[in-house]
mmCIF file of all heavy atoms, coordinates in Angstrom:
data_MODEL
# 
_entry.id   MODEL 
# 
loop_
_atom_site.group_PDB 
_atom_site.id 
_atom_site.type_symbol 
_atom_site.label_atom_id 
_atom_site.label_alt_id 
_atom_site.label_comp_id 
_atom_site.label_asym_id 
_atom_site.label_entity_id 
_atom_site.label_seq_id 
_atom_site.pdbx_PDB_ins_code 
_atom_site.Cartn_x 
_atom_site.Cartn_y 
_atom_site.Cartn_z 
_atom_site.occupancy 
_atom_site.B_iso_or_equiv 
_atom_site.pdbx_formal_charge 
_atom_site.auth_seq_id 
_atom_site.auth_comp_id 
_atom_site.auth_asym_id 
_atom_site.auth_atom_id 
_atom_site.pdbx_PDB_model_num 
ATOM 1   N N   . GLY A 1 1  ? 0.762  -1.260 0.030   1.00 0.00 ? 1  GLY A N   1 
ATOM 2   C CA  . GLY A 1 1  ? 0.004  -0.016 0.059   1.00 0.00 ? 1  GLY A CA  1 
ATOM 3   C C   . GLY A 1 1  ? 0.757  1.234  -0.024  1.00 0.00 ? 1  GLY A C   1 
ATOM 4   O O   . GLY A 1 1  ? 1.496  1.612  0.872   1.00 0.00 ? 1  GLY A O   1 
ATOM 5   N N   . PRO A 1 2  ? 0.844  2.098  -1.073  1.00 0.00 ? 2  PRO A N   1 
ATOM 6   C CA  . PRO A 1 2  ? 1.173  3.447  -1.017  1.00 0.00 ? 2  PRO A CA  1 
ATOM 7   C C   . PRO A 1 2  ? 0.057  4.195  -0.126  1.00 0.00 ? 2  PRO A C   1 
ATOM 8   O O   . PRO A 1 2  ? -0.984 3.634  0.198   1.00 0.00 ? 2  PRO A O   1 
ATOM 9   C CB  . PRO A 1 2  ? 0.929  3.930  -2.567  1.00 0.00 ? 2  PRO A CB  1 
ATOM 10  C CG  . PRO A 1 2  ? 0.957  2.631  -3.314  1.00 0.00 ? 2  PRO A CG  1 
ATOM 11  C CD  . PRO A 1 2  ? 0.353  1.694  -2.467  1.00 0.00 ? 2  PRO A CD  1 
ATOM 12  N N   . TYR A 1 3  ? 0.412  5.412  0.413   1.00 0.00 ? 3  TYR A N   1 
ATOM 13  C CA  . TYR A 1 3  ? -0.446 5.992  1.411   1.00 0.00 ? 3  TYR A CA  1 
ATOM 14  C C   . TYR A 1 3  ? -0.358 7.493  1.312   1.00 0.00 ? 3  TYR A C   1 
ATOM 15  O O   . TYR A 1 3  ? 0.801  8.009  0.909   1.00 0.00 ? 3  TYR A O   1 
ATOM 16  C CB  . TYR A 1 3  ? -0.151 5.503  2.839   1.00 0.00 ? 3  TYR A CB  1 
ATOM 17  C CG  . TYR A 1 3  ? 1.288  5.622  3.232   1.00 0.00 ? 3  TYR A CG  1 
ATOM 18  C CD1 . TYR A 1 3  ? 1.657  6.788  4.000   1.00 0.00 ? 3  TYR A CD1 1 
ATOM 19  C CD2 . TYR A 1 3  ? 2.288  4.729  3.042   1.00 0.00 ? 3  TYR A CD2 1 
ATOM 20  C CE1 . TYR A 1 3  ? 2.837  7.002  4.433   1.00 0.00 ? 3  TYR A CE1 1 
ATOM 21  C CE2 . TYR A 1 3  ? 3.556  4.856  3.480   1.00 0.00 ? 3  TYR A CE2 1 
ATOM 22  C CZ  . TYR A 1 3  ? 3.834  6.055  4.219   1.00 0.00 ? 3  TYR A CZ  1 
ATOM 23  O OH  . TYR A 1 3  ? 5.143  6.235  4.553   1.00 0.00 ? 3  TYR A OH  1 
ATOM 24  N N   . PHE A 1 4  ? -1.366 8.254  1.782   1.00 0.00 ? 4  PHE A N   1 
ATOM 25  C CA  . PHE A 1 4  ? -1.258 9.661  1.724   1.00 0.00 ? 4  PHE A CA  1 
ATOM 26  C C   . PHE A 1 4  ? -0.449 10.111 2.899   1.00 0.00 ? 4  PHE A C   1 
ATOM 27  O O   . PHE A 1 4  ? -0.557 9.692  4.022   1.00 0.00 ? 4  PHE A O   1 
ATOM 28  C CB  . PHE A 1 4  ? -2.748 10.293 1.999   1.00 0.00 ? 4  PHE A CB  1 
ATOM 29  C CG  . PHE A 1 4  ? -3.631 10.060 0.641   1.00 0.00 ? 4  PHE A CG  1 
ATOM 30  C CD1 . PHE A 1 4  ? -4.495 9.075  0.589   1.00 0.00 ? 4  PHE A CD1 1 
ATOM 31  C CD2 . PHE A 1 4  ? -3.533 11.100 -0.200  1.00 0.00 ? 4  PHE A CD2 1 
ATOM 32  C CE1 . PHE A 1 4  ? -5.403 8.935  -0.442  1.00 0.00 ? 4  PHE A CE1 1 
ATOM 33  C CE2 . PHE A 1 4  ? -4.343 10.975 -1.382  1.00 0.00 ? 4  PHE A CE2 1 
ATOM 34  C CZ  . PHE A 1 4  ? -5.197 9.854  -1.532  1.00 0.00 ? 4  PHE A CZ  1 
ATOM 35  N N   . GLY A 1 5  ? 0.486  10.992 2.605   1.00 0.00 ? 5  GLY A N   1 
ATOM 36  C CA  . GLY A 1 5  ? 1.303  11.666 3.638   1.00 0.00 ? 5  GLY A CA  1 
ATOM 37  C C   . GLY A 1 5  ? 0.902  13.072 3.809   1.00 0.00 ? 5  GLY A C   1 
ATOM 38  O O   . GLY A 1 5  ? 0.020  13.520 3.284   1.00 0.00 ? 5  GLY A O   1 
ATOM 39  N N   . PRO A 1 6  ? 1.685  13.768 4.623   1.00 0.00 ? 6  PRO A N   1 
ATOM 40  C CA  . PRO A 1 6  ? 1.421  15.239 4.867   1.00 0.00 ? 6  PRO A CA  1 
ATOM 41  C C   . PRO A 1 6  ? 1.936  16.016 3.740   1.00 0.00 ? 6  PRO A C   1 
ATOM 42  O O   . PRO A 1 6  ? 2.604  15.601 2.874   1.00 0.00 ? 6  PRO A O   1 
ATOM 43  C CB  . PRO A 1 6  ? 2.144  15.483 6.170   1.00 0.00 ? 6  PRO A CB  1 
ATOM 44  C CG  . PRO A 1 6  ? 3.307  14.592 6.115   1.00 0.00 ? 6  PRO A CG  1 
ATOM 45  C CD  . PRO A 1 6  ? 2.768  13.277 5.424   1.00 0.00 ? 6  PRO A CD  1 
ATOM 46  N N   . GLU A 1 7  ? 1.545  17.400 3.722   1.00 0.00 ? 7  GLU A N   1 
ATOM 47  C CA  . GLU A 1 7  ? 2.164  18.265 2.804   1.00 0.00 ? 7  GLU A CA  1 
ATOM 48  C C   . GLU A 1 7  ? 1.677  17.930 1.305   1.00 0.00 ? 7  GLU A C   1 
ATOM 49  O O   . GLU A 1 7  ? 2.580  18.177 0.411   1.00 0.00 ? 7  GLU A O   1 
ATOM 50  C CB  . GLU A 1 7  ? 3.586  18.442 2.900   1.00 0.00 ? 7  GLU A CB  1 
ATOM 51  C CG  . GLU A 1 7  ? 3.988  18.741 4.315   1.00 0.00 ? 7  GLU A CG  1 
ATOM 52  C CD  . GLU A 1 7  ? 3.381  20.135 4.837   1.00 0.00 ? 7  GLU A CD  1 
ATOM 53  O OE1 . GLU A 1 7  ? 3.199  21.003 4.077   1.00 0.00 ? 7  GLU A OE1 1 
ATOM 54  O OE2 . GLU A 1 7  ? 3.168  20.106 6.037   1.00 0.00 ? 7  GLU A OE2 1 
ATOM 55  N N   . GLY A 1 8  ? 0.595  17.211 1.104   1.00 0.00 ? 8  GLY A N   1 
ATOM 56  C CA  . GLY A 1 8  ? 0.230  17.036 -0.232  1.00 0.00 ? 8  GLY A CA  1 
ATOM 57  C C   . GLY A 1 8  ? 0.979  16.057 -1.036  1.00 0.00 ? 8  GLY A C   1 
ATOM 58  O O   . GLY A 1 8  ? 1.155  16.093 -2.394  1.00 0.00 ? 8  GLY A O   1 
ATOM 59  N N   . GLU A 1 9  ? 1.537  15.002 -0.371  1.00 0.00 ? 9  GLU A N   1 
ATOM 60  C CA  . GLU A 1 9  ? 2.397  14.031 -1.019  1.00 0.00 ? 9  GLU A CA  1 
ATOM 61  C C   . GLU A 1 9  ? 1.641  12.618 -0.773  1.00 0.00 ? 9  GLU A C   1 
ATOM 62  O O   . GLU A 1 9  ? 0.911  12.388 0.200   1.00 0.00 ? 9  GLU A O   1 
ATOM 63  C CB  . GLU A 1 9  ? 3.745  13.990 -0.406  1.00 0.00 ? 9  GLU A CB  1 
ATOM 64  C CG  . GLU A 1 9  ? 4.624  15.188 -0.888  1.00 0.00 ? 9  GLU A CG  1 
ATOM 65  C CD  . GLU A 1 9  ? 6.025  15.077 -0.369  1.00 0.00 ? 9  GLU A CD  1 
ATOM 66  O OE1 . GLU A 1 9  ? 6.227  14.833 0.864   1.00 0.00 ? 9  GLU A OE1 1 
ATOM 67  O OE2 . GLU A 1 9  ? 6.877  15.434 -1.158  1.00 0.00 ? 9  GLU A OE2 1 
ATOM 68  N N   . ILE A 1 10 ? 1.992  11.767 -1.518  1.00 0.00 ? 10 ILE A N   1 
ATOM 69  C CA  . ILE A 1 10 ? 1.747  10.242 -1.422  1.00 0.00 ? 10 ILE A CA  1 
ATOM 70  C C   . ILE A 1 10 ? 3.052  9.590  -1.386  1.00 0.00 ? 10 ILE A C   1 
ATOM 71  O O   . ILE A 1 10 ? 3.995  9.836  -2.132  1.00 0.00 ? 10 ILE A O   1 
ATOM 72  C CB  . ILE A 1 10 ? 0.985  9.745  -2.615  1.00 0.00 ? 10 ILE A CB  1 
ATOM 73  C CG1 . ILE A 1 10 ? -0.463 10.370 -2.646  1.00 0.00 ? 10 ILE A CG1 1 
ATOM 74  C CG2 . ILE A 1 10 ? 0.816  8.227  -2.608  1.00 0.00 ? 10 ILE A CG2 1 
ATOM 75  C CD1 . ILE A 1 10 ? -1.136 9.962  -3.900  1.00 0.00 ? 10 ILE A CD1 1 
ATOM 76  N N   . PHE A 1 11 ? 3.201  8.659  -0.208  1.00 0.00 ? 11 PHE A N   1 
ATOM 77  C CA  . PHE A 1 11 ? 4.548  7.924  -0.167  1.00 0.00 ? 11 PHE A CA  1 
ATOM 78  C C   . PHE A 1 11 ? 4.209  6.499  -0.706  1.00 0.00 ? 11 PHE A C   1 
ATOM 79  O O   . PHE A 1 11 ? 3.132  5.903  -0.476  1.00 0.00 ? 11 PHE A O   1 
ATOM 80  C CB  . PHE A 1 11 ? 4.713  7.788  1.306   1.00 0.00 ? 11 PHE A CB  1 
ATOM 81  C CG  . PHE A 1 11 ? 5.190  9.162  1.867   1.00 0.00 ? 11 PHE A CG  1 
ATOM 82  C CD1 . PHE A 1 11 ? 4.385  10.007 2.574   1.00 0.00 ? 11 PHE A CD1 1 
ATOM 83  C CD2 . PHE A 1 11 ? 6.520  9.593  1.658   1.00 0.00 ? 11 PHE A CD2 1 
ATOM 84  C CE1 . PHE A 1 11 ? 4.835  11.322 3.081   1.00 0.00 ? 11 PHE A CE1 1 
ATOM 85  C CE2 . PHE A 1 11 ? 6.913  10.759 2.258   1.00 0.00 ? 11 PHE A CE2 1 
ATOM 86  C CZ  . PHE A 1 11 ? 6.142  11.632 2.867   1.00 0.00 ? 11 PHE A CZ  1 
ATOM 87  N N   . ALA A 1 12 ? 5.313  5.927  -1.342  1.00 0.00 ? 12 ALA A N   1 
ATOM 88  C CA  . ALA A 1 12 ? 5.142  4.495  -1.890  1.00 0.00 ? 12 ALA A CA  1 
ATOM 89  C C   . ALA A 1 12 ? 6.626  4.008  -1.969  1.00 0.00 ? 12 ALA A C   1 
ATOM 90  O O   . ALA A 1 12 ? 7.596  4.681  -2.110  1.00 0.00 ? 12 ALA A O   1 
ATOM 91  C CB  . ALA A 1 12 ? 4.627  4.712  -3.294  1.00 0.00 ? 12 ALA A CB  1 
ATOM 92  N N   . GLN A 1 13 ? 6.537  2.664  -1.691  1.00 0.00 ? 13 GLN A N   1 
ATOM 93  C CA  . GLN A 1 13 ? 7.807  1.852  -1.879  1.00 0.00 ? 13 GLN A CA  1 
ATOM 94  C C   . GLN A 1 13 ? 7.870  1.552  -3.294  1.00 0.00 ? 13 GLN A C   1 
ATOM 95  O O   . GLN A 1 13 ? 6.832  0.923  -3.831  1.00 0.00 ? 13 GLN A O   1 
ATOM 96  C CB  . GLN A 1 13 ? 7.812  0.630  -1.039  1.00 0.00 ? 13 GLN A CB  1 
ATOM 97  C CG  . GLN A 1 13 ? 7.961  0.905  0.459   1.00 0.00 ? 13 GLN A CG  1 
ATOM 98  C CD  . GLN A 1 13 ? 8.206  -0.503 1.157   1.00 0.00 ? 13 GLN A CD  1 
ATOM 99  O OE1 . GLN A 1 13 ? 9.133  -1.271 0.864   1.00 0.00 ? 13 GLN A OE1 1 
ATOM 100 N NE2 . GLN A 1 13 ? 7.514  -0.660 2.207   1.00 0.00 ? 13 GLN A NE2 1 
ATOM 101 N N   . TRP A 1 14 ? 8.898  1.884  -3.975  1.00 0.00 ? 14 TRP A N   1 
ATOM 102 C CA  . TRP A 1 14 ? 8.982  1.748  -5.449  1.00 0.00 ? 14 TRP A CA  1 
ATOM 103 C C   . TRP A 1 14 ? 10.178 0.993  -5.817  1.00 0.00 ? 14 TRP A C   1 
ATOM 104 O O   . TRP A 1 14 ? 11.307 1.096  -5.132  1.00 0.00 ? 14 TRP A O   1 
ATOM 105 C CB  . TRP A 1 14 ? 8.966  3.132  -6.136  1.00 0.00 ? 14 TRP A CB  1 
ATOM 106 C CG  . TRP A 1 14 ? 9.290  3.110  -7.637  1.00 0.00 ? 14 TRP A CG  1 
ATOM 107 C CD1 . TRP A 1 14 ? 8.407  2.907  -8.663  1.00 0.00 ? 14 TRP A CD1 1 
ATOM 108 C CD2 . TRP A 1 14 ? 10.630 3.218  -8.251  1.00 0.00 ? 14 TRP A CD2 1 
ATOM 109 N NE1 . TRP A 1 14 ? 9.021  2.939  -9.878  1.00 0.00 ? 14 TRP A NE1 1 
ATOM 110 C CE2 . TRP A 1 14 ? 10.353 3.117  -9.609  1.00 0.00 ? 14 TRP A CE2 1 
ATOM 111 C CE3 . TRP A 1 14 ? 11.840 3.417  -7.784  1.00 0.00 ? 14 TRP A CE3 1 
ATOM 112 C CZ2 . TRP A 1 14 ? 11.375 3.200  -10.512 1.00 0.00 ? 14 TRP A CZ2 1 
ATOM 113 C CZ3 . TRP A 1 14 ? 13.001 3.490  -8.732  1.00 0.00 ? 14 TRP A CZ3 1 
ATOM 114 C CH2 . TRP A 1 14 ? 12.768 3.414  -10.072 1.00 0.00 ? 14 TRP A CH2 1 
ATOM 115 N N   . GLN A 1 15 ? 10.087 0.291  -6.969  1.00 0.00 ? 15 GLN A N   1 
ATOM 116 C CA  . GLN A 1 15 ? 11.339 -0.456 -7.508  1.00 0.00 ? 15 GLN A CA  1 
ATOM 117 C C   . GLN A 1 15 ? 11.017 -0.710 -8.883  1.00 0.00 ? 15 GLN A C   1 
ATOM 118 O O   . GLN A 1 15 ? 9.951  -0.760 -9.287  1.00 0.00 ? 15 GLN A O   1 
ATOM 119 C CB  . GLN A 1 15 ? 11.578 -1.693 -6.710  1.00 0.00 ? 15 GLN A CB  1 
ATOM 120 C CG  . GLN A 1 15 ? 10.616 -2.752 -6.640  1.00 0.00 ? 15 GLN A CG  1 
ATOM 121 C CD  . GLN A 1 15 ? 10.919 -3.947 -5.849  1.00 0.00 ? 15 GLN A CD  1 
ATOM 122 O OE1 . GLN A 1 15 ? 11.891 -4.549 -6.206  1.00 0.00 ? 15 GLN A OE1 1 
ATOM 123 N NE2 . GLN A 1 15 ? 10.224 -4.227 -4.864  1.00 0.00 ? 15 GLN A NE2 1 
ATOM 124 N N   . ASP A 1 16 ? 12.137 -1.093 -9.595  1.00 0.00 ? 16 ASP A N   1 
ATOM 125 C CA  . ASP A 1 16 ? 12.050 -1.650 -10.965 1.00 0.00 ? 16 ASP A CA  1 
ATOM 126 C C   . ASP A 1 16 ? 13.089 -2.618 -11.279 1.00 0.00 ? 16 ASP A C   1 
ATOM 127 O O   . ASP A 1 16 ? 13.835 -2.910 -10.298 1.00 0.00 ? 16 ASP A O   1 
ATOM 128 C CB  . ASP A 1 16 ? 11.727 -0.579 -12.089 1.00 0.00 ? 16 ASP A CB  1 
ATOM 129 C CG  . ASP A 1 16 ? 13.184 0.279  -12.240 1.00 0.00 ? 16 ASP A CG  1 
ATOM 130 O OD1 . ASP A 1 16 ? 14.197 -0.054 -11.807 1.00 0.00 ? 16 ASP A OD1 1 
ATOM 131 O OD2 . ASP A 1 16 ? 13.121 1.320  -13.059 1.00 0.00 ? 16 ASP A OD2 1 
ATOM 132 N N   . ALA A 1 17 ? 13.303 -3.127 -12.341 1.00 0.00 ? 17 ALA A N   1 
ATOM 133 C CA  . ALA A 1 17 ? 14.164 -4.133 -12.710 1.00 0.00 ? 17 ALA A CA  1 
ATOM 134 C C   . ALA A 1 17 ? 15.623 -3.796 -12.378 1.00 0.00 ? 17 ALA A C   1 
ATOM 135 O O   . ALA A 1 17 ? 16.472 -4.598 -12.125 1.00 0.00 ? 17 ALA A O   1 
ATOM 136 C CB  . ALA A 1 17 ? 14.195 -4.643 -14.085 1.00 0.00 ? 17 ALA A CB  1 
ATOM 137 N N   . VAL A 1 18 ? 15.985 -2.432 -12.477 1.00 0.00 ? 18 VAL A N   1 
ATOM 138 C CA  . VAL A 1 18 ? 17.439 -2.073 -12.258 1.00 0.00 ? 18 VAL A CA  1 
ATOM 139 C C   . VAL A 1 18 ? 17.556 -1.204 -10.950 1.00 0.00 ? 18 VAL A C   1 
ATOM 140 O O   . VAL A 1 18 ? 18.669 -0.763 -10.572 1.00 0.00 ? 18 VAL A O   1 
ATOM 141 C CB  . VAL A 1 18 ? 17.833 -1.318 -13.418 1.00 0.00 ? 18 VAL A CB  1 
ATOM 142 C CG1 . VAL A 1 18 ? 17.900 -2.156 -14.596 1.00 0.00 ? 18 VAL A CG1 1 
ATOM 143 C CG2 . VAL A 1 18 ? 16.982 -0.093 -13.737 1.00 0.00 ? 18 VAL A CG2 1 
ATOM 144 N N   . HIS A 1 19 ? 16.573 -0.910 -10.262 1.00 0.00 ? 19 HIS A N   1 
ATOM 145 C CA  . HIS A 1 19 ? 16.518 -0.227 -9.015  1.00 0.00 ? 19 HIS A CA  1 
ATOM 146 C C   . HIS A 1 19 ? 15.980 -0.925 -7.856  1.00 0.00 ? 19 HIS A C   1 
ATOM 147 O O   . HIS A 1 19 ? 14.828 -1.307 -7.911  1.00 0.00 ? 19 HIS A O   1 
ATOM 148 C CB  . HIS A 1 19 ? 15.874 1.250  -9.069  1.00 0.00 ? 19 HIS A CB  1 
ATOM 149 C CG  . HIS A 1 19 ? 16.357 2.119  -10.134 1.00 0.00 ? 19 HIS A CG  1 
ATOM 150 N ND1 . HIS A 1 19 ? 15.887 2.080  -11.332 1.00 0.00 ? 19 HIS A ND1 1 
ATOM 151 C CD2 . HIS A 1 19 ? 17.386 3.061  -10.132 1.00 0.00 ? 19 HIS A CD2 1 
ATOM 152 C CE1 . HIS A 1 19 ? 16.487 2.965  -12.186 1.00 0.00 ? 19 HIS A CE1 1 
ATOM 153 N NE2 . HIS A 1 19 ? 17.472 3.600  -11.377 1.00 0.00 ? 19 HIS A NE2 1 
ATOM 154 N N   . PRO A 1 20 ? 16.720 -1.182 -6.840  1.00 0.00 ? 20 PRO A N   1 
ATOM 155 C CA  . PRO A 1 20 ? 16.131 -1.909 -5.627  1.00 0.00 ? 20 PRO A CA  1 
ATOM 156 C C   . PRO A 1 20 ? 15.137 -0.983 -4.999  1.00 0.00 ? 20 PRO A C   1 
ATOM 157 O O   . PRO A 1 20 ? 15.041 0.249  -5.254  1.00 0.00 ? 20 PRO A O   1 
ATOM 158 C CB  . PRO A 1 20 ? 17.345 -2.176 -4.746  1.00 0.00 ? 20 PRO A CB  1 
ATOM 159 C CG  . PRO A 1 20 ? 18.310 -1.179 -5.100  1.00 0.00 ? 20 PRO A CG  1 
ATOM 160 C CD  . PRO A 1 20 ? 18.068 -0.910 -6.640  1.00 0.00 ? 20 PRO A CD  1 
ATOM 161 N N   . SER A 1 21 ? 14.356 -1.473 -3.945  1.00 0.00 ? 21 SER A N   1 
ATOM 162 C CA  . SER A 1 21 ? 13.318 -0.897 -3.373  1.00 0.00 ? 21 SER A CA  1 
ATOM 163 C C   . SER A 1 21 ? 13.707 0.469  -2.696  1.00 0.00 ? 21 SER A C   1 
ATOM 164 O O   . SER A 1 21 ? 14.687 0.460  -2.020  1.00 0.00 ? 21 SER A O   1 
ATOM 165 C CB  . SER A 1 21 ? 12.565 -1.791 -2.288  1.00 0.00 ? 21 SER A CB  1 
ATOM 166 O OG  . SER A 1 21 ? 11.525 -1.114 -1.647  1.00 0.00 ? 21 SER A OG  1 
ATOM 167 N N   . GLN A 1 22 ? 12.934 1.471  -2.940  1.00 0.00 ? 22 GLN A N   1 
ATOM 168 C CA  . GLN A 1 22 ? 13.172 2.761  -2.200  1.00 0.00 ? 22 GLN A CA  1 
ATOM 169 C C   . GLN A 1 22 ? 11.841 3.471  -1.964  1.00 0.00 ? 22 GLN A C   1 
ATOM 170 O O   . GLN A 1 22 ? 10.904 3.204  -2.585  1.00 0.00 ? 22 GLN A O   1 
ATOM 171 C CB  . GLN A 1 22 ? 14.056 3.717  -3.107  1.00 0.00 ? 22 GLN A CB  1 
ATOM 172 C CG  . GLN A 1 22 ? 13.455 3.939  -4.476  1.00 0.00 ? 22 GLN A CG  1 
ATOM 173 C CD  . GLN A 1 22 ? 14.531 4.609  -5.377  1.00 0.00 ? 22 GLN A CD  1 
ATOM 174 O OE1 . GLN A 1 22 ? 14.306 5.786  -5.630  1.00 0.00 ? 22 GLN A OE1 1 
ATOM 175 N NE2 . GLN A 1 22 ? 15.566 4.009  -5.726  1.00 0.00 ? 22 GLN A NE2 1 
ATOM 176 N N   . LEU A 1 23 ? 11.901 4.291  -0.835  1.00 0.00 ? 23 LEU A N   1 
ATOM 177 C CA  . LEU A 1 23 ? 10.682 5.081  -0.520  1.00 0.00 ? 23 LEU A CA  1 
ATOM 178 C C   . LEU A 1 23 ? 10.664 6.399  -1.243  1.00 0.00 ? 23 LEU A C   1 
ATOM 179 O O   . LEU A 1 23 ? 11.676 7.093  -1.155  1.00 0.00 ? 23 LEU A O   1 
ATOM 180 C CB  . LEU A 1 23 ? 10.614 5.275  1.010   1.00 0.00 ? 23 LEU A CB  1 
ATOM 181 C CG  . LEU A 1 23 ? 9.354  5.985  1.561   1.00 0.00 ? 23 LEU A CG  1 
ATOM 182 C CD1 . LEU A 1 23 ? 8.202  5.091  1.347   1.00 0.00 ? 23 LEU A CD1 1 
ATOM 183 C CD2 . LEU A 1 23 ? 9.561  6.311  3.024   1.00 0.00 ? 23 LEU A CD2 1 
ATOM 184 N N   . ILE A 1 24 ? 9.604  6.590  -2.094  1.00 0.00 ? 24 ILE A N   1 
ATOM 185 C CA  . ILE A 1 24 ? 9.595  7.806  -2.768  1.00 0.00 ? 24 ILE A CA  1 
ATOM 186 C C   . ILE A 1 24 ? 8.384  8.639  -2.453  1.00 0.00 ? 24 ILE A C   1 
ATOM 187 O O   . ILE A 1 24 ? 7.394  8.056  -1.857  1.00 0.00 ? 24 ILE A O   1 
ATOM 188 C CB  . ILE A 1 24 ? 9.629  7.579  -4.288  1.00 0.00 ? 24 ILE A CB  1 
ATOM 189 C CG1 . ILE A 1 24 ? 8.451  6.788  -4.739  1.00 0.00 ? 24 ILE A CG1 1 
ATOM 190 C CG2 . ILE A 1 24 ? 10.933 6.905  -4.716  1.00 0.00 ? 24 ILE A CG2 1 
ATOM 191 C CD1 . ILE A 1 24 ? 8.237  6.578  -6.266  1.00 0.00 ? 24 ILE A CD1 1 
ATOM 192 N N   . ALA A 1 25 ? 8.344  9.828  -2.760  1.00 0.00 ? 25 ALA A N   1 
ATOM 193 C CA  . ALA A 1 25 ? 7.160  10.800 -2.484  1.00 0.00 ? 25 ALA A CA  1 
ATOM 194 C C   . ALA A 1 25 ? 6.630  11.074 -3.884  1.00 0.00 ? 25 ALA A C   1 
ATOM 195 O O   . ALA A 1 25 ? 7.337  11.546 -4.805  1.00 0.00 ? 25 ALA A O   1 
ATOM 196 C CB  . ALA A 1 25 ? 7.636  11.956 -1.756  1.00 0.00 ? 25 ALA A CB  1 
ATOM 197 N N   . LEU A 1 26 ? 5.331  11.170 -3.990  1.00 0.00 ? 26 LEU A N   1 
ATOM 198 C CA  . LEU A 1 26 ? 4.624  11.632 -5.261  1.00 0.00 ? 26 LEU A CA  1 
ATOM 199 C C   . LEU A 1 26 ? 3.738  12.786 -4.862  1.00 0.00 ? 26 LEU A C   1 
ATOM 200 O O   . LEU A 1 26 ? 3.186  12.855 -3.867  1.00 0.00 ? 26 LEU A O   1 
ATOM 201 C CB  . LEU A 1 26 ? 3.822  10.513 -5.837  1.00 0.00 ? 26 LEU A CB  1 
ATOM 202 C CG  . LEU A 1 26 ? 4.445  9.138  -5.941  1.00 0.00 ? 26 LEU A CG  1 
ATOM 203 C CD1 . LEU A 1 26 ? 3.352  8.071  -6.376  1.00 0.00 ? 26 LEU A CD1 1 
ATOM 204 C CD2 . LEU A 1 26 ? 5.588  9.090  -6.956  1.00 0.00 ? 26 LEU A CD2 1 
ATOM 205 N N   . ASP A 1 27 ? 3.685  13.698 -5.848  1.00 0.00 ? 27 ASP A N   1 
ATOM 206 C CA  . ASP A 1 27 ? 2.724  14.755 -5.793  1.00 0.00 ? 27 ASP A CA  1 
ATOM 207 C C   . ASP A 1 27 ? 1.178  14.098 -5.738  1.00 0.00 ? 27 ASP A C   1 
ATOM 208 O O   . ASP A 1 27 ? 0.849  13.414 -6.583  1.00 0.00 ? 27 ASP A O   1 
ATOM 209 C CB  . ASP A 1 27 ? 2.801  15.678 -6.986  1.00 0.00 ? 27 ASP A CB  1 
ATOM 210 C CG  . ASP A 1 27 ? 1.821  16.989 -6.705  1.00 0.00 ? 27 ASP A CG  1 
ATOM 211 O OD1 . ASP A 1 27 ? 0.556  16.756 -6.969  1.00 0.00 ? 27 ASP A OD1 1 
ATOM 212 O OD2 . ASP A 1 27 ? 2.493  18.081 -6.528  1.00 0.00 ? 27 ASP A OD2 1 
ATOM 213 N N   . ALA A 1 28 ? 0.460  14.535 -4.728  1.00 0.00 ? 28 ALA A N   1 
ATOM 214 C CA  . ALA A 1 28 ? -0.766 13.909 -4.473  1.00 0.00 ? 28 ALA A CA  1 
ATOM 215 C C   . ALA A 1 28 ? -1.871 14.321 -5.594  1.00 0.00 ? 28 ALA A C   1 
ATOM 216 O O   . ALA A 1 28 ? -2.880 13.732 -5.556  1.00 0.00 ? 28 ALA A O   1 
ATOM 217 C CB  . ALA A 1 28 ? -1.362 14.257 -2.996  1.00 0.00 ? 28 ALA A CB  1 
# 
């Protein structure tokens, strides 16, 4: 689960084939 964070952001654990898991912030 990605989730709503403060300050108009969404937090998510993201990865792809060449990047290991990282916590990123998205514009909500």
